[in-house]
């Protein structure tokens, strides 16, 4: 998979969502915010799918090199 430039605000949202999920306290508001950010960024970036962005972001946050 090619490197994807992930904006810091999306990384921050995913960090928050992951922390909530690990604590068993993921809220609908947090999940919705991160998904909206994925959709908006992918739509504004030609050739980038929402799924590719989401997968790359989750990999960066949940499984850092």
Protein backbone atom coordinates (compact mmCIF):
# COMPACT_ATOMS: atom_id res chain seq x y z
CA UNK A 1 0.00 0.00 0.00
CA UNK A 2 1.35 3.43 -0.89
CA UNK A 3 2.10 5.83 1.91
CA UNK A 4 -0.88 7.96 2.78
CA UNK A 5 -0.46 11.45 4.20
CA UNK A 6 -2.77 11.39 7.23
CA UNK A 7 -3.66 14.79 8.70
CA UNK A 8 -2.87 15.24 12.39
CA UNK A 9 -6.52 15.98 13.28
CA UNK A 10 -7.53 12.56 11.94
CA UNK A 11 -4.74 10.87 13.88
CA UNK A 12 -5.89 12.68 17.03
CA UNK A 13 -9.49 11.58 16.50
CA UNK A 14 -8.43 7.97 15.97
CA UNK A 15 -6.22 8.08 19.10
CA UNK A 16 -9.23 9.23 21.11
CA UNK A 17 -11.49 6.57 19.59
CA UNK A 18 -8.91 3.83 20.21
CA UNK A 19 -8.41 4.89 23.85
CA UNK A 20 -12.18 4.87 24.40
CA UNK A 21 -12.52 1.50 22.69
CA UNK A 22 -9.76 -0.04 24.81
CA UNK A 23 -11.50 1.28 27.93
CA UNK A 24 -14.82 -0.15 26.75
CA UNK A 25 -16.28 3.33 26.59
CA UNK A 26 -16.38 4.24 22.89
CA UNK A 27 -19.14 6.79 22.39
CA UNK A 28 -21.28 7.26 19.32
CA UNK A 29 -20.14 10.89 19.15
CA UNK A 30 -16.47 9.89 19.01
CA UNK A 31 -17.07 7.13 16.46
CA UNK A 32 -19.16 9.46 14.31
CA UNK A 33 -16.55 12.23 14.46
CA UNK A 34 -13.72 9.99 13.29
CA UNK A 35 -15.82 8.45 10.52
CA UNK A 36 -16.93 11.90 9.33
CA UNK A 37 -13.28 13.01 9.22
CA UNK A 38 -12.38 9.95 7.13
CA UNK A 39 -15.22 10.63 4.68
CA UNK A 40 -14.49 14.35 4.38
CA UNK A 41 -10.75 13.95 3.86
CA UNK A 42 -11.15 11.12 1.34
CA UNK A 43 -13.73 13.13 -0.61
CA UNK A 44 -11.39 16.13 -0.71
CA UNK A 45 -8.38 14.06 -1.78
CA UNK A 46 -8.58 12.79 -5.35
CA UNK A 47 -7.91 9.09 -5.67
CA UNK A 48 -7.98 8.33 -1.92
CA UNK A 49 -10.64 5.93 -0.72
CA UNK A 50 -12.17 6.30 2.71
CA UNK A 51 -11.36 2.68 3.46
CA UNK A 52 -7.68 3.06 2.54
CA UNK A 53 -7.45 6.16 4.74
CA UNK A 54 -9.18 4.42 7.65
CA UNK A 55 -6.99 1.33 7.39
CA UNK A 56 -3.78 3.37 7.22
CA UNK A 57 -4.84 5.53 10.16
CA UNK A 58 -5.80 2.57 12.35
CA UNK A 59 -2.54 0.82 11.47
CA UNK A 60 -0.56 3.94 12.43
CA UNK A 61 -2.34 4.31 15.77
CA UNK A 62 -2.93 0.72 16.81
CA UNK A 63 0.21 -0.92 15.40
CA UNK A 64 2.98 1.65 15.20
CA UNK A 65 6.16 0.36 13.56
